[in-house]
């Protein structure tokens, strides 16, 4: 369902625009990357805090088996202490959830598996920004993804940030870097 919404929105955007860049954060980054698997390649791609795999080995083993079962309707606590933001004031202002369904986690895992299975050089400029202290999406996964995406992928690590780069201590730097990248790659092209 998530990817179907991304696909539909991207096709509508592409119908209006000759040049398109796509920016995604976390699962949004995974879904943006998956556009390349359907020959819907954006002209530029920005992947912020993109997860590569669920790092818990037990979760990795069990999640594929839970999809479609009644167990998947159960809710699990995914974190304490609010969103993964190092700045305490920004964390207090941010809205997030501490609970999610196993079904949603299994769907995220399926998207991550699809991404890893089809990872290859993308043939478009890719900027990847990742927090050095991300507790949701391991930095090692971002490094592996950048390697698999090939020479067009640039990985930059935000040394003081956690997962939610757009709200953390380096949010302004992240915004400036994304804008500069898109300006460099797409130029003054617009819809």
C-alpha atoms as a PDB file:
ATOM      1  CA  UNK A   1       0.000   0.000   0.000  1.00  0.00           C
ATOM      2  CA  UNK A   2       2.763   2.459   0.902  1.00  0.00           C
ATOM      3  CA  UNK A   3       4.646   1.927  -2.311  1.00  0.00           C
ATOM      4  CA  UNK A   4       1.471   2.080  -4.396  1.00  0.00           C
ATOM      5  CA  UNK A   5       0.850   5.580  -3.006  1.00  0.00           C
ATOM      6  CA  UNK A   6       4.431   6.624  -3.813  1.00  0.00           C
ATOM      7  CA  UNK A   7       4.174   5.185  -7.321  1.00  0.00           C
ATOM      8  CA  UNK A   8       0.886   6.998  -8.001  1.00  0.00           C
ATOM      9  CA  UNK A   9       2.182  10.327  -6.678  1.00  0.00           C
ATOM     10  CA  UNK A  10       5.423  10.018  -8.622  1.00  0.00           C
ATOM     11  CA  UNK A  11       3.622   9.238 -11.887  1.00  0.00           C
ATOM     12  CA  UNK A  12       1.393  12.289 -11.381  1.00  0.00           C
ATOM     13  CA  UNK A  13       4.423  14.465 -10.685  1.00  0.00           C
ATOM     14  CA  UNK A  14       6.286  13.082 -13.682  1.00  0.00           C
ATOM     15  CA  UNK A  15       3.301  13.824 -15.927  1.00  0.00           C
ATOM     16  CA  UNK A  16       3.631  17.491 -14.955  1.00  0.00           C
ATOM     17  CA  UNK A  17       7.419  17.807 -14.722  1.00  0.00           C
ATOM     18  CA  UNK A  18      10.142  16.945 -17.198  1.00  0.00           C
ATOM     19  CA  UNK A  19      12.760  16.793 -14.433  1.00  0.00           C
ATOM     20  CA  UNK A  20      12.057  15.222 -11.031  1.00  0.00           C
ATOM     21  CA  UNK A  21      14.096  14.781  -7.890  1.00  0.00           C
ATOM     22  CA  UNK A  22      12.750  12.675  -5.038  1.00  0.00           C
ATOM     23  CA  UNK A  23      13.625  13.075  -1.355  1.00  0.00           C
ATOM     24  CA  UNK A  24      12.718  10.469   1.257  1.00  0.00           C
ATOM     25  CA  UNK A  25      13.308  10.111   4.996  1.00  0.00           C
ATOM     26  CA  UNK A  26      13.593   6.696   6.665  1.00  0.00           C
ATOM     27  CA  UNK A  27      10.959   4.378   5.131  1.00  0.00           C
ATOM     28  CA  UNK A  28      10.237   7.187   2.662  1.00  0.00           C
ATOM     29  CA  UNK A  29      13.827   6.850   1.464  1.00  0.00           C
ATOM     30  CA  UNK A  30      13.364   3.113   0.928  1.00  0.00           C
ATOM     31  CA  UNK A  31      10.165   3.715  -1.034  1.00  0.00           C
ATOM     32  CA  UNK A  32      11.838   6.433  -3.122  1.00  0.00           C
ATOM     33  CA  UNK A  33      14.702   4.065  -3.945  1.00  0.00           C
ATOM     34  CA  UNK A  34      12.255   1.346  -4.970  1.00  0.00           C
ATOM     35  CA  UNK A  35      10.990   3.603  -7.794  1.00  0.00           C
ATOM     36  CA  UNK A  36      14.068   2.481  -9.731  1.00  0.00           C
ATOM     37  CA  UNK A  37      12.829  -1.112  -9.697  1.00  0.00           C
ATOM     38  CA  UNK A  38       9.835  -0.152 -11.839  1.00  0.00           C
ATOM     39  CA  UNK A  39      11.657   1.974 -14.414  1.00  0.00           C
ATOM     40  CA  UNK A  40      10.295   5.099 -12.733  1.00  0.00           C
ATOM     41  CA  UNK A  41      13.758   6.532 -12.213  1.00  0.00           C
ATOM     42  CA  UNK A  42      13.895  10.049 -10.804  1.00  0.00           C
ATOM     43  CA  UNK A  43      16.585  12.362 -12.177  1.00  0.00           C
ATOM     44  CA  UNK A  44      18.021  12.741  -8.676  1.00  0.00           C
ATOM     45  CA  UNK A  45      17.472  10.958  -5.397  1.00  0.00           C
ATOM     46  CA  UNK A  46      18.050  12.095  -1.810  1.00  0.00           C
ATOM     47  CA  UNK A  47      17.921   9.366   0.833  1.00  0.00           C
ATOM     48  CA  UNK A  48      17.831  10.600   4.429  1.00  0.00           C
ATOM     49  CA  UNK A  49      18.452   8.096   7.240  1.00  0.00           C
ATOM     50  CA  UNK A  50      17.557   5.192   4.979  1.00  0.00           C
ATOM     51  CA  UNK A  51      17.326   1.846   6.775  1.00  0.00           C
ATOM     52  CA  UNK A  52      18.938  -1.165   5.128  1.00  0.00           C
ATOM     53  CA  UNK A  53      17.744  -4.017   7.331  1.00  0.00           C
ATOM     54  CA  UNK A  54      16.139  -4.696  10.675  1.00  0.00           C
ATOM     55  CA  UNK A  55      19.190  -5.164  12.828  1.00  0.00           C
ATOM     56  CA  UNK A  56      17.680  -7.467  15.436  1.00  0.00           C
ATOM     57  CA  UNK A  57      18.527 -11.051  14.314  1.00  0.00           C
ATOM     58  CA  UNK A  58      15.430 -12.543  15.955  1.00  0.00           C
ATOM     59  CA  UNK A  59      13.222  -9.940  14.302  1.00  0.00           C
ATOM     60  CA  UNK A  60      14.833 -10.617  10.926  1.00  0.00           C
ATOM     61  CA  UNK A  61      14.110 -14.326  11.305  1.00  0.00           C
ATOM     62  CA  UNK A  62      10.522 -14.020  12.559  1.00  0.00           C
ATOM     63  CA  UNK A  63       9.049 -11.087  10.642  1.00  0.00           C
ATOM     64  CA  UNK A  64       8.710 -12.789   7.239  1.00  0.00           C
ATOM     65  CA  UNK A  65       6.805 -15.625   8.903  1.00  0.00           C
ATOM     66  CA  UNK A  66       4.374 -13.263  10.670  1.00  0.00           C
ATOM     67  CA  UNK A  67       2.969 -11.574   7.570  1.00  0.00           C
ATOM     68  CA  UNK A  68      -0.634 -12.586   7.027  1.00  0.00           C
ATOM     69  CA  UNK A  69      -1.062 -14.229  10.437  1.00  0.00           C
ATOM     70  CA  UNK A  70      -3.276 -13.151  13.337  1.00  0.00           C
ATOM     71  CA  UNK A  71      -0.142 -12.489  15.384  1.00  0.00           C
ATOM     72  CA  UNK A  72       0.695  -9.643  12.999  1.00  0.00           C
ATOM     73  CA  UNK A  73      -2.305  -7.698  14.325  1.00  0.00           C
ATOM     74  CA  UNK A  74      -0.696  -7.385  17.732  1.00  0.00           C
ATOM     75  CA  UNK A  75       0.854  -4.125  18.827  1.00  0.00           C
ATOM     76  CA  UNK A  76       4.397  -3.871  20.109  1.00  0.00           C
ATOM     77  CA  UNK A  77       6.261  -1.141  21.931  1.00  0.00           C
ATOM     78  CA  UNK A  78       9.039   0.014  19.628  1.00  0.00           C
ATOM     79  CA  UNK A  79      10.781   2.599  21.776  1.00  0.00           C
ATOM     80  CA  UNK A  80      10.851   4.664  24.920  1.00  0.00           C
ATOM     81  CA  UNK A  81      11.931   8.265  25.262  1.00  0.00           C
ATOM     82  CA  UNK A  82      10.419   9.713  22.117  1.00  0.00           C
ATOM     83  CA  UNK A  83      11.768   9.981  18.583  1.00  0.00           C
ATOM     84  CA  UNK A  84      15.398   9.305  17.693  1.00  0.00           C
ATOM     85  CA  UNK A  85      16.552  12.943  17.923  1.00  0.00           C
ATOM     86  CA  UNK A  86      19.649  13.962  19.891  1.00  0.00           C
ATOM     87  CA  UNK A  87      18.425  17.515  20.589  1.00  0.00           C
ATOM     88  CA  UNK A  88      16.265  17.256  23.756  1.00  0.00           C
ATOM     89  CA  UNK A  89      14.160  20.317  22.873  1.00  0.00           C
ATOM     90  CA  UNK A  90      13.477  19.089  19.342  1.00  0.00           C
ATOM     91  CA  UNK A  91      12.677  15.623  20.713  1.00  0.00           C
ATOM     92  CA  UNK A  92      10.134  17.119  23.132  1.00  0.00           C
ATOM     93  CA  UNK A  93       8.455  19.076  20.294  1.00  0.00           C
ATOM     94  CA  UNK A  94       8.363  16.144  17.895  1.00  0.00           C
ATOM     95  CA  UNK A  95       5.330  13.934  17.572  1.00  0.00           C
ATOM     96  CA  UNK A  96       6.059  10.222  17.323  1.00  0.00           C
ATOM     97  CA  UNK A  97       4.604   6.940  18.369  1.00  0.00           C
ATOM     98  CA  UNK A  98       5.929   4.380  20.800  1.00  0.00           C
ATOM     99  CA  UNK A  99       3.711   1.520  19.611  1.00  0.00           C
ATOM    100  CA  UNK A 100       3.161  -0.078  16.218  1.00  0.00           C
ATOM    101  CA  UNK A 101       1.588  -3.219  14.865  1.00  0.00           C
ATOM    102  CA  UNK A 102       3.702  -6.221  14.001  1.00  0.00           C
ATOM    103  CA  UNK A 103       1.985  -6.076  10.611  1.00  0.00           C
ATOM    104  CA  UNK A 104       3.495  -2.635   9.940  1.00  0.00           C
ATOM    105  CA  UNK A 105       6.932  -3.815  11.051  1.00  0.00           C
ATOM    106  CA  UNK A 106       6.615  -6.889   8.807  1.00  0.00           C
ATOM    107  CA  UNK A 107       5.685  -4.630   5.865  1.00  0.00           C
ATOM    108  CA  UNK A 108       8.730  -2.438   6.530  1.00  0.00           C
ATOM    109  CA  UNK A 109      10.862  -5.569   6.659  1.00  0.00           C
ATOM    110  CA  UNK A 110       9.421  -6.711   3.308  1.00  0.00           C
ATOM    111  CA  UNK A 111      10.321  -3.342   1.740  1.00  0.00           C
ATOM    112  CA  UNK A 112      13.835  -3.563   3.174  1.00  0.00           C
ATOM    113  CA  UNK A 113      14.255  -7.085   1.812  1.00  0.00           C
ATOM    114  CA  UNK A 114      13.053  -5.974  -1.635  1.00  0.00           C
ATOM    115  CA  UNK A 115      15.483  -3.080  -1.542  1.00  0.00           C
ATOM    116  CA  UNK A 116      18.445  -5.297  -0.687  1.00  0.00           C
ATOM    117  CA  UNK A 117      17.445  -7.926  -3.248  1.00  0.00           C
ATOM    118  CA  UNK A 118      17.353  -5.387  -6.085  1.00  0.00           C
ATOM    119  CA  UNK A 119      20.116  -3.013  -4.960  1.00  0.00           C
ATOM    120  CA  UNK A 120      22.365  -2.047  -7.851  1.00  0.00           C
ATOM    121  CA  UNK A 121      23.928   1.049  -9.405  1.00  0.00           C
ATOM    122  CA  UNK A 122      20.996   3.369 -10.038  1.00  0.00           C
ATOM    123  CA  UNK A 123      22.272   5.467 -12.924  1.00  0.00           C
ATOM    124  CA  UNK A 124      21.151   8.727 -11.324  1.00  0.00           C
ATOM    125  CA  UNK A 125      22.857  11.030  -8.825  1.00  0.00           C
ATOM    126  CA  UNK A 126      22.112   9.938  -5.255  1.00  0.00           C
ATOM    127  CA  UNK A 127      22.804  11.869  -2.063  1.00  0.00           C
ATOM    128  CA  UNK A 128      22.600   9.848   1.134  1.00  0.00           C
ATOM    129  CA  UNK A 129      22.689  11.669   4.475  1.00  0.00           C
ATOM    130  CA  UNK A 130      22.856   9.625   7.660  1.00  0.00           C
ATOM    131  CA  UNK A 131      23.216  10.405  11.356  1.00  0.00           C
ATOM    132  CA  UNK A 132      26.390   9.076  12.923  1.00  0.00           C
ATOM    133  CA  UNK A 133      24.419   8.053  16.016  1.00  0.00           C
ATOM    134  CA  UNK A 134      21.231   6.788  14.332  1.00  0.00           C
ATOM    135  CA  UNK A 135      19.555   4.236  16.645  1.00  0.00           C
ATOM    136  CA  UNK A 136      16.922   3.215  14.076  1.00  0.00           C
ATOM    137  CA  UNK A 137      18.893   2.698  10.862  1.00  0.00           C
ATOM    138  CA  UNK A 138      22.479   1.573  11.397  1.00  0.00           C
ATOM    139  CA  UNK A 139      25.196   3.606   9.692  1.00  0.00           C
ATOM    140  CA  UNK A 140      26.779   0.342   8.515  1.00  0.00           C
ATOM    141  CA  UNK A 141      23.642  -0.280   6.453  1.00  0.00           C
ATOM    142  CA  UNK A 142      23.940   3.132   4.794  1.00  0.00           C
ATOM    143  CA  UNK A 143      27.536   2.355   3.914  1.00  0.00           C
ATOM    144  CA  UNK A 144      26.531  -0.982   2.382  1.00  0.00           C
ATOM    145  CA  UNK A 145      23.707   0.666   0.422  1.00  0.00           C
ATOM    146  CA  UNK A 146      26.020   3.383  -0.930  1.00  0.00           C
ATOM    147  CA  UNK A 147      28.483   0.724  -2.027  1.00  0.00           C
ATOM    148  CA  UNK A 148      25.754  -1.256  -3.795  1.00  0.00           C
ATOM    149  CA  UNK A 149      24.260   1.857  -5.434  1.00  0.00           C
ATOM    150  CA  UNK A 150      27.589   2.542  -7.118  1.00  0.00           C
ATOM    151  CA  UNK A 151      29.618   5.585  -8.052  1.00  0.00           C
ATOM    152  CA  UNK A 152      26.655   7.926  -8.400  1.00  0.00           C
ATOM    153  CA  UNK A 153      25.873   7.605  -4.676  1.00  0.00           C
ATOM    154  CA  UNK A 154      27.448  10.030  -2.217  1.00  0.00           C
ATOM    155  CA  UNK A 155      27.149   9.176   1.473  1.00  0.00           C
ATOM    156  CA  UNK A 156      27.635  11.986   3.969  1.00  0.00           C
ATOM    157  CA  UNK A 157      27.500  11.396   7.706  1.00  0.00           C
ATOM    158  CA  UNK A 158      26.029  14.035  10.007  1.00  0.00           C
ATOM    159  CA  UNK A 159      28.393  13.666  12.983  1.00  0.00           C
ATOM    160  CA  UNK A 160      26.039  14.889  15.727  1.00  0.00           C
ATOM    161  CA  UNK A 161      22.678  13.643  14.471  1.00  0.00           C
ATOM    162  CA  UNK A 162      20.517  10.650  15.190  1.00  0.00           C
ATOM    163  CA  UNK A 163      17.746   9.282  12.944  1.00  0.00           C
ATOM    164  CA  UNK A 164      15.342  12.188  12.387  1.00  0.00           C
ATOM    165  CA  UNK A 165      17.795  14.358  10.463  1.00  0.00           C
ATOM    166  CA  UNK A 166      15.199  16.957   9.501  1.00  0.00           C
ATOM    167  CA  UNK A 167      14.545  17.845  13.154  1.00  0.00           C
ATOM    168  CA  UNK A 168      17.877  17.160  14.834  1.00  0.00           C
ATOM    169  CA  UNK A 169      20.807  19.435  15.715  1.00  0.00           C
ATOM    170  CA  UNK A 170      22.090  19.501  12.127  1.00  0.00           C
ATOM    171  CA  UNK A 171      18.689  20.028  10.468  1.00  0.00           C
ATOM    172  CA  UNK A 172      19.753  23.324   8.907  1.00  0.00           C
ATOM    173  CA  UNK A 173      22.902  21.766   7.495  1.00  0.00           C
ATOM    174  CA  UNK A 174      20.831  18.861   6.137  1.00  0.00           C
ATOM    175  CA  UNK A 175      18.386  21.260   4.440  1.00  0.00           C
ATOM    176  CA  UNK A 176      21.228  23.279   2.930  1.00  0.00           C
ATOM    177  CA  UNK A 177      22.983  20.165   1.669  1.00  0.00           C
ATOM    178  CA  UNK A 178      19.813  18.758   0.100  1.00  0.00           C
ATOM    179  CA  UNK A 179      19.021  22.087  -1.589  1.00  0.00           C
ATOM    180  CA  UNK A 180      22.589  22.446  -2.892  1.00  0.00           C
ATOM    181  CA  UNK A 181      22.597  18.884  -4.250  1.00  0.00           C
ATOM    182  CA  UNK A 182      19.264  19.256  -6.030  1.00  0.00           C
ATOM    183  CA  UNK A 183      20.291  22.639  -7.419  1.00  0.00           C
ATOM    184  CA  UNK A 184      23.580  21.195  -8.664  1.00  0.00           C
ATOM    185  CA  UNK A 185      21.990  18.128 -10.241  1.00  0.00           C
ATOM    186  CA  UNK A 186      18.697  19.517 -11.496  1.00  0.00           C
ATOM    187  CA  UNK A 187      19.734  23.125 -12.028  1.00  0.00           C
ATOM    188  CA  UNK A 188      16.943  25.585 -12.573  1.00  0.00           C
ATOM    189  CA  UNK A 189      14.609  23.002 -14.090  1.00  0.00           C
ATOM    190  CA  UNK A 190      11.098  23.267 -12.780  1.00  0.00           C
ATOM    191  CA  UNK A 191       7.581  22.083 -13.570  1.00  0.00           C
END
